[in-house]
Protein backbone atom coordinates (compact mmCIF):
# COMPACT_ATOMS: atom_id res chain seq x y z
CA MET A 1 -81.92 -7.61 -0.05
CA TYR A 2 -83.05 -10.49 2.09
CA LEU A 3 -81.71 -10.52 5.70
CA SER A 4 -81.67 -13.43 8.05
CA LEU A 5 -84.08 -13.04 10.97
CA TYR A 6 -81.32 -12.58 13.55
CA ARG A 7 -79.87 -9.71 11.44
CA LYS A 8 -83.19 -8.18 10.66
CA TRP A 9 -84.35 -8.23 14.28
CA ARG A 10 -81.03 -7.20 15.83
CA PRO A 11 -81.74 -4.74 18.83
CA ARG A 12 -81.26 -1.15 17.90
CA THR A 13 -81.57 0.37 21.43
CA PHE A 14 -80.61 -0.72 24.91
CA ASP A 15 -84.32 -1.23 25.73
CA GLU A 16 -84.67 -3.85 23.03
CA ILE A 17 -81.93 -6.09 24.38
CA CYS A 18 -83.48 -9.10 26.19
CA GLY A 19 -82.30 -10.60 29.42
CA GLN A 20 -79.36 -8.25 30.10
CA GLU A 21 -81.06 -5.45 32.06
CA HIS A 22 -78.28 -5.53 34.67
CA ILE A 23 -75.91 -4.31 31.92
CA THR A 24 -78.01 -2.13 29.63
CA SER A 25 -79.31 -0.06 32.57
CA ILE A 26 -75.68 0.92 33.45
CA LEU A 27 -74.70 1.68 29.85
CA ARG A 28 -77.82 3.72 29.25
CA LYS A 29 -77.18 5.81 32.39
CA GLN A 30 -73.53 6.33 31.46
CA CYS A 31 -74.51 7.60 27.99
CA ASP A 32 -77.24 9.79 29.44
CA THR A 33 -74.88 11.45 31.97
CA ASN A 34 -71.94 11.64 29.54
CA ARG A 35 -69.71 9.45 31.77
CA VAL A 36 -68.68 6.94 29.20
CA SER A 37 -65.53 4.97 29.99
CA HIS A 38 -62.58 4.63 27.60
CA ALA A 39 -62.56 0.81 27.56
CA TYR A 40 -65.25 -1.89 27.99
CA LEU A 41 -65.00 -5.68 28.13
CA PHE A 42 -68.12 -7.67 27.16
CA CYS A 43 -67.88 -11.35 27.95
CA GLY A 44 -70.42 -14.19 27.75
CA THR A 45 -71.63 -17.09 25.71
CA ARG A 46 -72.71 -16.81 22.02
CA GLY A 47 -75.91 -14.99 21.09
CA THR A 48 -76.37 -13.08 24.36
CA GLY A 49 -76.05 -9.56 22.90
CA LYS A 50 -72.37 -8.61 23.22
CA THR A 51 -71.85 -7.29 19.70
CA SER A 52 -75.30 -5.77 19.55
CA SER A 53 -74.60 -3.87 22.83
CA ALA A 54 -71.31 -2.69 21.44
CA LYS A 55 -72.89 -1.25 18.27
CA ILE A 56 -75.70 0.37 20.28
CA LEU A 57 -73.12 1.93 22.63
CA ALA A 58 -71.17 3.20 19.59
CA LYS A 59 -74.36 4.91 18.33
CA ALA A 60 -75.31 6.20 21.75
CA VAL A 61 -71.96 8.03 22.31
CA ASN A 62 -72.17 9.60 18.81
CA CYS A 63 -75.98 10.22 18.53
CA GLU A 64 -77.03 13.79 17.75
CA ASN A 65 -80.34 13.46 19.53
CA PRO A 66 -80.08 10.81 22.26
CA ILE A 67 -83.20 9.76 24.15
CA ASN A 68 -82.61 8.88 27.79
CA GLY A 69 -79.23 7.29 26.94
CA ASN A 70 -80.59 5.39 23.90
CA PRO A 71 -79.67 6.34 20.31
CA CYS A 72 -82.35 7.95 18.21
CA ASN A 73 -81.56 5.79 15.15
CA ASN A 74 -82.77 8.72 12.93
CA CYS A 75 -79.79 11.12 12.85
CA SER A 76 -77.04 10.91 10.24
CA SER A 77 -74.57 9.45 12.79
CA CYS A 78 -76.86 6.56 13.76
CA LYS A 79 -77.75 5.81 10.13
CA ALA A 80 -74.10 5.81 9.09
CA ILE A 81 -73.15 3.42 11.87
CA ASP A 82 -76.10 1.13 11.11
CA SER A 83 -75.13 1.01 7.40
CA GLY A 84 -71.50 0.42 8.23
CA SER A 85 -70.31 3.48 6.29
CA ALA A 86 -69.05 5.31 9.40
CA THR A 87 -65.28 5.37 9.12
CA ASP A 88 -64.93 6.42 12.83
CA VAL A 89 -66.57 3.23 14.12
CA LEU A 90 -64.31 0.20 13.34
CA GLU A 91 -65.36 -3.37 13.94
CA ILE A 92 -62.27 -5.59 14.01
CA ASP A 93 -62.23 -9.37 13.92
CA ALA A 94 -59.41 -10.44 16.23
CA ALA A 95 -59.52 -13.97 14.83
CA SER A 96 -58.05 -12.80 11.43
CA ASN A 97 -56.22 -9.69 12.75
CA ASN A 98 -54.42 -11.19 15.73
CA ARG A 99 -50.80 -10.34 14.93
CA VAL A 100 -48.69 -7.67 16.64
CA ASP A 101 -48.41 -5.74 13.36
CA ASN A 102 -52.26 -5.39 13.27
CA VAL A 103 -52.24 -3.89 16.76
CA ARG A 104 -49.41 -1.51 15.88
CA ASP A 105 -51.42 -0.24 12.90
CA LEU A 106 -54.37 0.32 15.19
CA ARG A 107 -52.19 2.12 17.72
CA ASP A 108 -50.93 4.47 14.92
CA GLU A 109 -54.47 5.27 13.88
CA VAL A 110 -55.62 6.17 17.39
CA VAL A 111 -53.66 9.40 17.36
CA TYR A 112 -55.92 10.90 14.65
CA PRO A 113 -59.22 12.43 15.85
CA PRO A 114 -62.54 11.32 14.43
CA SER A 115 -63.30 12.83 11.02
CA VAL A 116 -67.16 13.06 11.30
CA LEU A 117 -68.43 11.63 14.59
CA LYS A 118 -67.87 12.73 18.13
CA LYS A 119 -65.83 9.73 19.11
CA ARG A 120 -63.79 7.08 17.46
CA VAL A 121 -65.00 3.61 18.61
CA TYR A 122 -63.02 0.33 18.14
CA ILE A 123 -65.11 -2.85 18.49
CA ILE A 124 -62.63 -5.77 18.78
CA ASP A 125 -64.59 -9.03 18.49
CA GLU A 126 -63.24 -12.38 19.79
CA VAL A 127 -60.39 -10.48 21.41
CA HIS A 128 -59.04 -13.64 23.10
CA MET A 129 -57.66 -14.68 19.68
CA LEU A 130 -54.92 -12.03 19.92
CA THR A 131 -51.41 -13.31 20.47
CA ASP A 132 -49.42 -12.50 23.61
CA SER A 133 -47.30 -10.00 21.67
CA ALA A 134 -50.46 -8.31 20.36
CA PHE A 135 -51.84 -8.03 23.85
CA ASN A 136 -48.62 -6.49 25.07
CA ALA A 137 -48.65 -3.98 22.21
CA LEU A 138 -52.25 -3.03 23.10
CA LEU A 139 -51.69 -2.45 26.82
CA LYS A 140 -50.47 1.18 26.85
CA THR A 141 -52.98 2.35 24.30
CA LEU A 142 -55.88 0.56 26.08
CA GLU A 143 -54.89 2.14 29.44
CA GLU A 144 -54.53 5.73 28.30
CA PRO A 145 -56.18 6.39 24.93
CA PRO A 146 -57.01 9.85 23.67
CA GLU A 147 -60.26 11.28 25.07
CA TYR A 148 -62.07 10.87 21.84
CA VAL A 149 -61.41 7.07 21.59
CA VAL A 150 -63.59 4.17 23.11
CA PHE A 151 -62.47 0.57 23.05
CA ILE A 152 -65.07 -2.21 23.23
CA LEU A 153 -63.63 -5.71 23.66
CA ALA A 154 -65.89 -8.77 23.14
CA THR A 155 -65.03 -12.37 23.92
CA THR A 156 -66.57 -15.76 24.68
CA GLU A 157 -63.42 -16.99 26.42
CA ILE A 158 -62.71 -14.59 29.30
CA ASN A 159 -60.34 -17.09 30.93
CA GLU A 160 -57.91 -16.68 27.91
CA LEU A 161 -57.47 -12.95 28.45
CA PRO A 162 -54.42 -11.73 30.35
CA PRO A 163 -55.28 -10.08 33.73
CA THR A 164 -53.47 -6.94 32.52
CA ILE A 165 -56.07 -6.56 29.81
CA ILE A 166 -59.03 -7.28 32.10
CA SER A 167 -57.93 -4.81 34.70
CA ARG A 168 -57.87 -1.90 32.19
CA CYS A 169 -61.56 -2.34 31.20
CA ILE A 170 -64.93 -2.06 32.74
CA ARG A 171 -66.12 -5.69 32.61
CA PHE A 172 -69.73 -6.77 31.92
CA ASP A 173 -70.69 -10.39 32.09
CA PHE A 174 -73.57 -11.31 29.72
CA SER A 175 -75.61 -14.20 31.09
CA ARG A 176 -77.55 -16.76 29.17
CA ILE A 177 -80.99 -15.32 28.17
CA ASP A 178 -83.90 -16.74 30.17
CA THR A 179 -86.02 -19.28 28.25
CA GLU A 180 -89.19 -17.27 28.96
CA ALA A 181 -87.60 -14.13 27.55
CA VAL A 182 -86.52 -15.99 24.39
CA ASN A 183 -90.07 -17.46 24.14
CA LYS A 184 -91.66 -14.08 24.26
CA ARG A 185 -89.25 -12.64 21.62
CA LEU A 186 -89.91 -15.57 19.33
CA VAL A 187 -93.64 -15.07 19.59
CA TYR A 188 -93.26 -11.39 18.73
CA VAL A 189 -90.95 -11.96 15.76
CA ALA A 190 -93.27 -14.72 14.43
CA GLU A 191 -96.23 -12.36 14.58
CA GLN A 192 -94.32 -9.67 12.67
CA GLU A 193 -93.12 -12.15 10.07
CA ASP A 194 -96.50 -13.78 9.65
CA ILE A 195 -95.23 -17.17 10.96
CA HIS A 196 -98.01 -19.20 12.65
CA LEU A 197 -96.71 -21.08 15.70
CA ALA A 198 -98.59 -23.97 17.18
CA ASP A 199 -98.81 -24.42 20.98
CA GLY A 200 -95.44 -25.34 22.44
CA SER A 201 -93.45 -24.53 19.30
CA ALA A 202 -91.87 -21.31 20.65
CA GLU A 203 -91.13 -22.96 23.98
CA LEU A 204 -89.39 -25.91 22.25
CA LEU A 205 -87.24 -23.55 20.12
CA ALA A 206 -86.32 -21.50 23.19
CA GLN A 207 -85.22 -24.60 25.08
CA LEU A 208 -83.13 -25.77 22.02
CA ALA A 209 -81.45 -22.24 21.77
CA ASP A 210 -79.89 -22.78 25.26
CA GLY A 211 -79.97 -19.15 26.17
CA SER A 212 -78.83 -17.75 22.79
CA MET A 213 -81.23 -15.40 21.06
CA ARG A 214 -79.37 -15.56 17.77
CA ASP A 215 -79.66 -19.43 17.78
CA ALA A 216 -83.33 -19.15 18.59
CA LEU A 217 -84.04 -16.87 15.64
CA SER A 218 -81.92 -19.02 13.33
CA LEU A 219 -83.82 -22.18 14.37
CA LEU A 220 -87.09 -20.26 13.83
CA GLU A 221 -86.09 -19.31 10.33
CA ALA A 222 -84.83 -22.74 9.45
CA CYS A 223 -87.98 -24.49 10.70
CA SER A 224 -90.43 -22.00 9.22
CA ASN A 225 -88.81 -22.24 5.72
CA GLY A 226 -89.24 -26.01 5.79
CA SER A 227 -92.93 -26.04 6.84
CA VAL A 228 -96.21 -25.28 5.21
CA GLY A 229 -98.91 -23.66 7.29
CA GLU A 230 -98.64 -23.82 11.07
CA LEU A 231 -95.27 -24.58 12.58
CA THR A 232 -95.80 -27.52 14.97
CA THR A 233 -93.45 -29.12 17.41
CA GLU A 234 -93.52 -32.28 15.22
CA THR A 235 -92.29 -30.25 12.30
CA ILE A 236 -89.50 -28.76 14.39
CA ARG A 237 -88.33 -32.19 15.51
CA ASN A 238 -88.44 -33.53 11.94
CA VAL A 239 -86.42 -30.53 10.50
CA LEU A 240 -83.85 -30.61 13.24
CA GLY A 241 -83.60 -34.41 13.49
CA LEU A 242 -84.90 -34.66 17.10
CA ALA A 243 -86.69 -37.63 18.68
CA GLY A 244 -90.08 -37.17 20.25
CA ASP A 245 -90.69 -37.39 23.96
CA GLU A 246 -92.75 -40.54 23.41
CA THR A 247 -89.81 -42.33 21.79
CA ILE A 248 -87.41 -41.27 24.51
CA TYR A 249 -89.67 -42.36 27.37
CA SER A 250 -90.60 -45.64 25.58
CA LEU A 251 -86.88 -46.48 25.48
CA LEU A 252 -86.45 -45.60 29.09
CA SER A 253 -89.46 -47.74 30.00
CA ALA A 254 -88.00 -50.70 28.05
CA ILE A 255 -84.67 -50.16 29.90
CA SER A 256 -86.44 -50.22 33.32
CA ASP A 257 -88.26 -53.44 32.28
CA LYS A 258 -84.99 -54.96 31.00
CA ASN A 259 -86.82 -55.58 27.70
CA VAL A 260 -83.87 -55.76 25.22
CA PRO A 261 -85.93 -56.66 22.13
CA VAL A 262 -88.30 -53.64 22.50
CA ALA A 263 -85.22 -51.38 23.21
CA MET A 264 -83.54 -52.62 20.03
CA ASP A 265 -86.66 -51.97 18.01
CA ILE A 266 -86.76 -48.35 19.25
CA VAL A 267 -83.10 -47.86 18.33
CA GLU A 268 -83.91 -49.32 14.86
CA GLN A 269 -86.77 -46.87 14.46
CA VAL A 270 -84.55 -43.91 15.46
CA HIS A 271 -81.88 -45.07 12.96
CA ARG A 272 -84.40 -45.58 10.09
CA SER A 273 -85.92 -42.12 10.62
CA SER A 274 -82.46 -40.57 9.81
CA LYS A 275 -82.36 -38.78 13.14
CA ASP A 276 -78.81 -37.93 14.36
CA ILE A 277 -77.71 -40.53 16.90
CA SER A 278 -75.66 -37.99 18.82
CA VAL A 279 -78.60 -35.61 19.08
CA PHE A 280 -80.78 -38.54 20.25
CA ILE A 281 -78.28 -39.38 22.96
CA ASP A 282 -78.28 -35.76 24.13
CA ASP A 283 -82.09 -35.84 24.29
CA LEU A 284 -82.00 -39.08 26.21
CA SER A 285 -79.41 -37.67 28.65
CA LEU A 286 -81.63 -34.53 29.13
CA ALA A 287 -84.71 -36.81 29.90
CA VAL A 288 -82.67 -38.75 32.49
CA ARG A 289 -81.62 -35.45 34.02
CA ASP A 290 -85.27 -34.33 34.18
CA ILE A 291 -86.23 -37.58 36.02
CA ILE A 292 -83.42 -37.31 38.43
CA ILE A 293 -84.43 -33.77 39.35
CA GLU A 294 -88.06 -34.75 39.58
CA LYS A 295 -87.33 -37.54 42.07
CA GLN A 296 -85.23 -35.21 44.21
CA LEU A 297 -87.85 -32.37 44.19
CA VAL A 298 -90.62 -34.85 45.12
CA LYS A 299 -88.77 -35.46 48.40
CA PHE A 300 -89.43 -31.77 49.27
CA GLY A 301 -93.04 -31.73 48.08
CA LYS A 302 -92.30 -29.92 44.85
CA ARG A 303 -92.64 -30.58 41.13
CA GLY A 304 -90.14 -30.22 38.30
CA LYS A 305 -90.67 -29.76 34.55
CA LEU A 306 -91.44 -33.46 33.89
CA LYS A 307 -94.72 -33.93 32.16
CA SER A 308 -97.42 -35.72 34.04
CA GLU A 309 -97.81 -38.50 31.43
CA TYR A 310 -94.20 -39.55 32.10
CA LEU A 311 -94.41 -39.70 35.87
CA ASN A 312 -94.98 -43.52 35.68
CA VAL A 313 -91.50 -43.90 34.05
CA CYS A 314 -90.02 -41.82 36.88
CA GLU A 315 -91.33 -44.25 39.46
CA LYS A 316 -89.62 -47.27 37.80
CA PHE A 317 -86.10 -46.06 38.48
CA THR A 318 -83.98 -45.66 41.62
CA PRO A 319 -81.52 -42.77 41.85
CA GLU A 320 -78.64 -45.22 41.52
CA GLN A 321 -80.05 -46.68 38.34
CA LEU A 322 -80.48 -43.25 36.84
CA PHE A 323 -76.97 -42.16 37.62
CA TYR A 324 -75.67 -45.40 36.07
CA ILE A 325 -77.70 -44.70 32.87
CA SER A 326 -76.40 -41.16 32.81
CA SER A 327 -72.79 -42.32 33.05
CA VAL A 328 -73.27 -44.86 30.26
CA LEU A 329 -74.82 -42.22 28.02
CA GLU A 330 -71.95 -39.84 28.81
CA GLU A 331 -69.39 -42.48 27.98
CA THR A 332 -71.26 -43.29 24.72
CA GLN A 333 -71.37 -39.69 23.61
CA SER A 334 -67.71 -39.20 24.39
CA ARG A 335 -66.73 -42.29 22.40
CA ILE A 336 -68.80 -41.25 19.39
CA SER A 337 -67.34 -37.75 19.39
CA ARG A 338 -63.75 -38.84 20.00
CA TYR A 339 -63.53 -41.77 17.53
CA SER A 340 -64.86 -42.38 14.08
CA VAL A 341 -67.17 -45.32 14.84
CA ASN A 342 -70.53 -46.65 13.88
CA LYS A 343 -72.91 -44.61 16.01
CA ARG A 344 -75.78 -47.09 15.82
CA VAL A 345 -73.62 -50.05 16.97
CA VAL A 346 -72.25 -48.01 19.90
CA LEU A 347 -75.71 -46.93 20.97
CA GLU A 348 -77.05 -50.53 20.71
CA MET A 349 -74.22 -51.87 22.96
CA SER A 350 -74.90 -49.12 25.44
CA VAL A 351 -78.59 -49.85 25.57
CA ILE A 352 -77.90 -53.55 26.29
CA ARG A 353 -75.59 -52.49 29.14
CA MET A 354 -78.40 -50.31 30.46
CA CYS A 355 -80.94 -53.09 30.25
CA ASP A 356 -78.69 -55.77 31.72
CA LYS A 357 -76.39 -54.40 34.41
CA THR A 358 -74.80 -57.79 35.00
CA VAL A 359 -72.63 -57.35 31.86
CA SER A 360 -71.00 -54.20 33.34
CA ASP A 361 -68.34 -54.32 36.00
CA SER A 362 -68.45 -50.61 36.90
CA PRO A 363 -69.11 -49.59 40.50
CA LYS A 364 -72.18 -47.55 39.39
CA ALA A 365 -73.63 -50.74 37.76
CA LEU A 366 -73.14 -52.59 41.05
CA ALA A 367 -74.79 -49.78 43.02
CA ALA A 368 -77.74 -49.85 40.63
CA ARG A 369 -78.14 -53.64 40.96
CA ILE A 370 -78.07 -53.35 44.77
CA SER A 371 -80.58 -50.53 44.80
CA GLU A 372 -82.87 -52.61 42.60
CA LEU A 373 -82.71 -55.52 45.00
CA GLU A 374 -83.41 -53.14 47.93
CA LYS A 375 -86.38 -51.79 46.15
CA ARG A 376 -87.79 -55.33 45.53
CA LEU A 377 -87.25 -56.30 49.15
CA ALA A 378 -88.96 -53.12 50.34
CA VAL A 379 -91.99 -53.95 48.20
CA LEU A 380 -92.18 -57.50 49.55
CA SER A 381 -91.70 -56.27 53.16
CA ALA A 382 -94.40 -53.70 52.74
CA THR A 383 -96.85 -56.31 51.59
CA GLY A 384 -96.39 -58.52 54.62
CA LEU A 385 -93.47 -60.91 53.83
CA ASN A 386 -92.72 -63.21 56.69
CA LYS A 387 -90.19 -65.91 57.44
CA ASN A 388 -91.99 -68.69 55.72
CA PHE A 389 -93.05 -66.57 52.77
CA ILE A 390 -96.67 -67.77 53.18
CA GLU A 391 -98.35 -64.52 52.00
CA THR A 392 -96.37 -63.97 48.76
CA GLU A 393 -98.73 -65.47 46.18
CA SER A 394 -100.19 -61.97 45.44
CA ILE A 395 -96.71 -60.56 45.05
CA VAL A 396 -94.82 -63.14 43.00
CA GLU A 397 -97.01 -65.06 40.60
CA THR A 398 -95.27 -68.44 40.85
CA PRO A 399 -97.81 -70.75 42.58
CA GLU A 400 -96.21 -73.85 41.15
CA ILE A 401 -92.83 -73.01 42.74
CA ILE A 402 -93.68 -71.33 45.99
CA LYS A 403 -95.46 -73.74 48.24
CA SER A 404 -95.86 -73.21 51.89
CA GLU A 405 -94.34 -75.72 54.23
CA GLU A 406 -97.86 -76.33 55.56
CA ASN A 407 -99.04 -77.66 52.21
CA VAL A 408 -96.00 -79.78 51.75
CA ALA A 409 -96.44 -81.33 55.20
CA THR A 410 -99.83 -82.75 54.16
CA LYS A 411 -98.13 -84.94 51.57
CA ASP A 412 -97.04 -88.46 52.32
CA ILE A 413 -93.23 -88.19 52.22
CA SER A 414 -91.80 -91.59 52.71
CA HIS A 415 -88.46 -91.20 51.05
CA GLU A 416 -85.32 -90.24 52.79
CA ARG A 417 -83.90 -86.75 52.26
CA ILE A 418 -80.77 -86.91 50.02
CA PRO A 419 -78.66 -84.29 48.32
CA PHE A 420 -80.11 -83.47 44.86
CA PRO A 421 -78.44 -85.60 42.16
CA ASN A 422 -77.19 -83.97 38.99
CA ILE A 423 -77.40 -80.43 40.46
CA SER A 424 -75.02 -79.36 37.68
CA GLU A 425 -77.84 -79.87 35.15
CA ILE A 426 -80.03 -77.47 37.11
CA TYR A 427 -77.25 -74.91 37.11
CA GLU A 428 -76.86 -75.24 33.37
CA PHE A 429 -80.66 -74.94 32.82
CA ILE A 430 -80.84 -71.65 34.71
CA SER A 431 -77.56 -70.20 33.38
CA ASP A 432 -79.47 -67.57 31.43
CA ASN A 433 -80.43 -65.93 34.75
CA PRO A 434 -77.12 -65.14 36.46
CA SER A 435 -78.79 -63.74 39.62
CA LEU A 436 -80.92 -66.84 40.17
CA LEU A 437 -77.89 -69.10 39.48
CA SER A 438 -75.59 -67.25 42.04
CA PHE A 439 -78.31 -67.43 44.73
CA LEU A 440 -79.04 -71.11 44.11
CA LYS A 441 -75.34 -71.95 44.33
CA LYS A 442 -75.25 -70.42 47.83
CA SER A 443 -78.02 -72.83 48.87
CA LYS A 444 -78.22 -76.52 49.69
CA VAL A 445 -80.60 -78.52 47.51
CA TYR A 446 -82.21 -81.83 48.72
CA LEU A 447 -84.57 -84.32 47.16
CA GLN A 448 -87.19 -86.12 49.32
CA GLY A 449 -89.57 -88.17 47.13
CA ASP A 450 -91.44 -85.70 44.99
CA VAL A 451 -90.34 -82.74 47.04
CA VAL A 452 -87.34 -80.53 46.35
CA ILE A 453 -86.02 -78.79 49.48
CA ILE A 454 -83.92 -75.63 49.15
CA ALA A 455 -82.16 -74.65 52.33
CA SER A 456 -80.31 -71.39 52.77
CA GLU A 457 -80.35 -68.03 54.59
CA GLN A 458 -83.69 -66.17 54.58
CA PHE A 459 -82.33 -63.36 52.34
CA THR A 460 -81.12 -65.87 49.71
CA ILE A 461 -84.44 -67.70 49.87
CA ASP A 462 -86.35 -64.42 49.31
CA MET A 463 -84.20 -63.54 46.33
CA ILE A 464 -84.60 -66.98 44.73
CA LYS A 465 -88.40 -66.58 44.99
CA ILE A 466 -88.17 -63.19 43.35
CA GLU A 467 -85.83 -64.10 40.50
CA SER A 468 -87.12 -67.63 39.73
CA GLY A 469 -90.45 -67.24 37.95
CA ASN A 470 -91.31 -70.62 36.39
CA MET A 471 -87.68 -71.23 35.39
CA LEU A 472 -86.71 -73.13 38.55
CA ASN A 473 -89.76 -75.44 38.41
CA ASP A 474 -89.04 -76.17 34.71
CA ALA A 475 -85.45 -76.97 35.56
CA PHE A 476 -86.35 -79.61 38.11
CA VAL A 477 -89.10 -81.12 35.96
CA SER A 478 -86.74 -81.33 33.01
CA THR A 479 -83.94 -83.01 35.07
CA LEU A 480 -86.16 -85.50 36.99
CA GLY A 481 -88.70 -86.15 34.26
CA LYS A 482 -91.64 -85.63 36.63
CA SER A 483 -93.49 -82.83 38.37
CA VAL A 484 -92.15 -81.88 41.83
CA ASN A 485 -93.15 -79.63 44.70
CA ILE A 486 -90.62 -77.04 45.83
CA THR A 487 -90.33 -75.91 49.40
CA PHE A 488 -87.89 -73.62 51.21
CA GLU A 489 -86.15 -74.11 54.50
CA GLU A 490 -84.19 -71.55 56.45
CA ALA A 491 -80.80 -72.93 57.33
CA LYS A 492 -79.83 -72.81 61.05
CA GLN A 493 -77.28 -70.15 61.91
CA GLU A 494 -73.81 -71.48 62.42
CA THR A 495 -70.79 -70.03 64.10
CA LYS A 496 -68.87 -68.09 61.42
CA ASN A 497 -65.22 -68.43 60.82
CA GLU A 498 -62.98 -66.86 58.22
CA SER A 499 -64.28 -69.18 55.46
CA GLN A 500 -67.99 -68.82 56.30
CA VAL A 501 -69.33 -65.36 55.45
CA SER A 502 -72.95 -64.76 54.56
CA PHE A 503 -74.08 -63.16 51.33
CA MET A 504 -75.25 -60.02 53.11
CA ASP A 505 -71.83 -59.62 54.68
CA GLU A 506 -70.30 -59.79 51.25
CA LEU A 507 -72.55 -57.03 50.00
């Protein structure tokens, strides 16, 4: 009969259990010295070895020829327990036997000694599913059972057990199995099953298993059955509906560049490839988490698990931007799981919010925008930005807009300076750039012949130069119908009152 890999390669001794040495060493010693307790409580996440340890313990206490606390697996007792024919070892599913009547039947059976084996062992799986009445009925029997009875309780939800039950058992907490241990086990099983793994395949499966050996073996079986020849990481991603690292980091790069069309194309590719949108969001969240950890570790001169080819994406983001993206992804995943909605539409709207933070009114979006401005100013300051912005041609490629006052002074300006006419048309022209529009509205704009003069605080001037590109020059040319020269003038500081507060004070 065909057996699944996780059943076929279930551990048969304490030494074969991976990643739980802090528990198996104690159980092995207790069996070796014949100091086995009457009740055990095994708790931990799925696939960490709770049920396997319980069955091995049941064999060890009944084995006719134990070897250093481990069962021999060759005697009649071990074979009967492995085959499930031993009537003295009972495995009970508390999810389907959770009523008080079931516990009363168990309590009545306890009084009878084992018929064949040394001890009668009760393995109660998912014990947290018992009702309150069933727990109360079990208390006395669990505290003082006959000397030939051993109770082994297993659960994934230790917080749902009454303290009275926990206090009557020896408790063992099974931790998630280390990724390296899962990786080694997968390589060993693959060799025995004649499954050819490409470089990185076992490591990817171990990461996807999230500390569960059963999940890791199930994933290996599913992916190997759907592949021909060598099992590659690409095959694993196709079988499990995962997006590749290149797709994920291409989307993050588009978000950092605020390139909405490219980002939408990537979402379209993910949707067309029939990959699960929820899984893709999880992968994207994990990539953002890796970038955040990488940026924090760099401060201490260390490196994380981020691949070297993606370090350039890491440099594009500030911590505030990353935390904003993480919050949007968390909200998106929550909305998809909570409501029956079109996953693609929800993801597209979220990607637009991540690309253009001005459409979001959340505090994290505002913090991300401020950090982005600070980063730009830091770059300009590091390259020699001065008051008159003379040395910025190498930084902002807008030679038609940014003219130094010295160049403007060489022109023959015979006209009188007047407030710029039809400034509302300029505002309408640049309305697609909200940041530029807001900074220009905080400035005074004058026209003097063929020269447009923008007067404001130095911070506002700097931000206009950063945000404008060729848009501002095109706006004035379109409005006046002729080419103009644009110059900037720092406004003199005035005494502030309650109605006069600078933009920096507002921030």
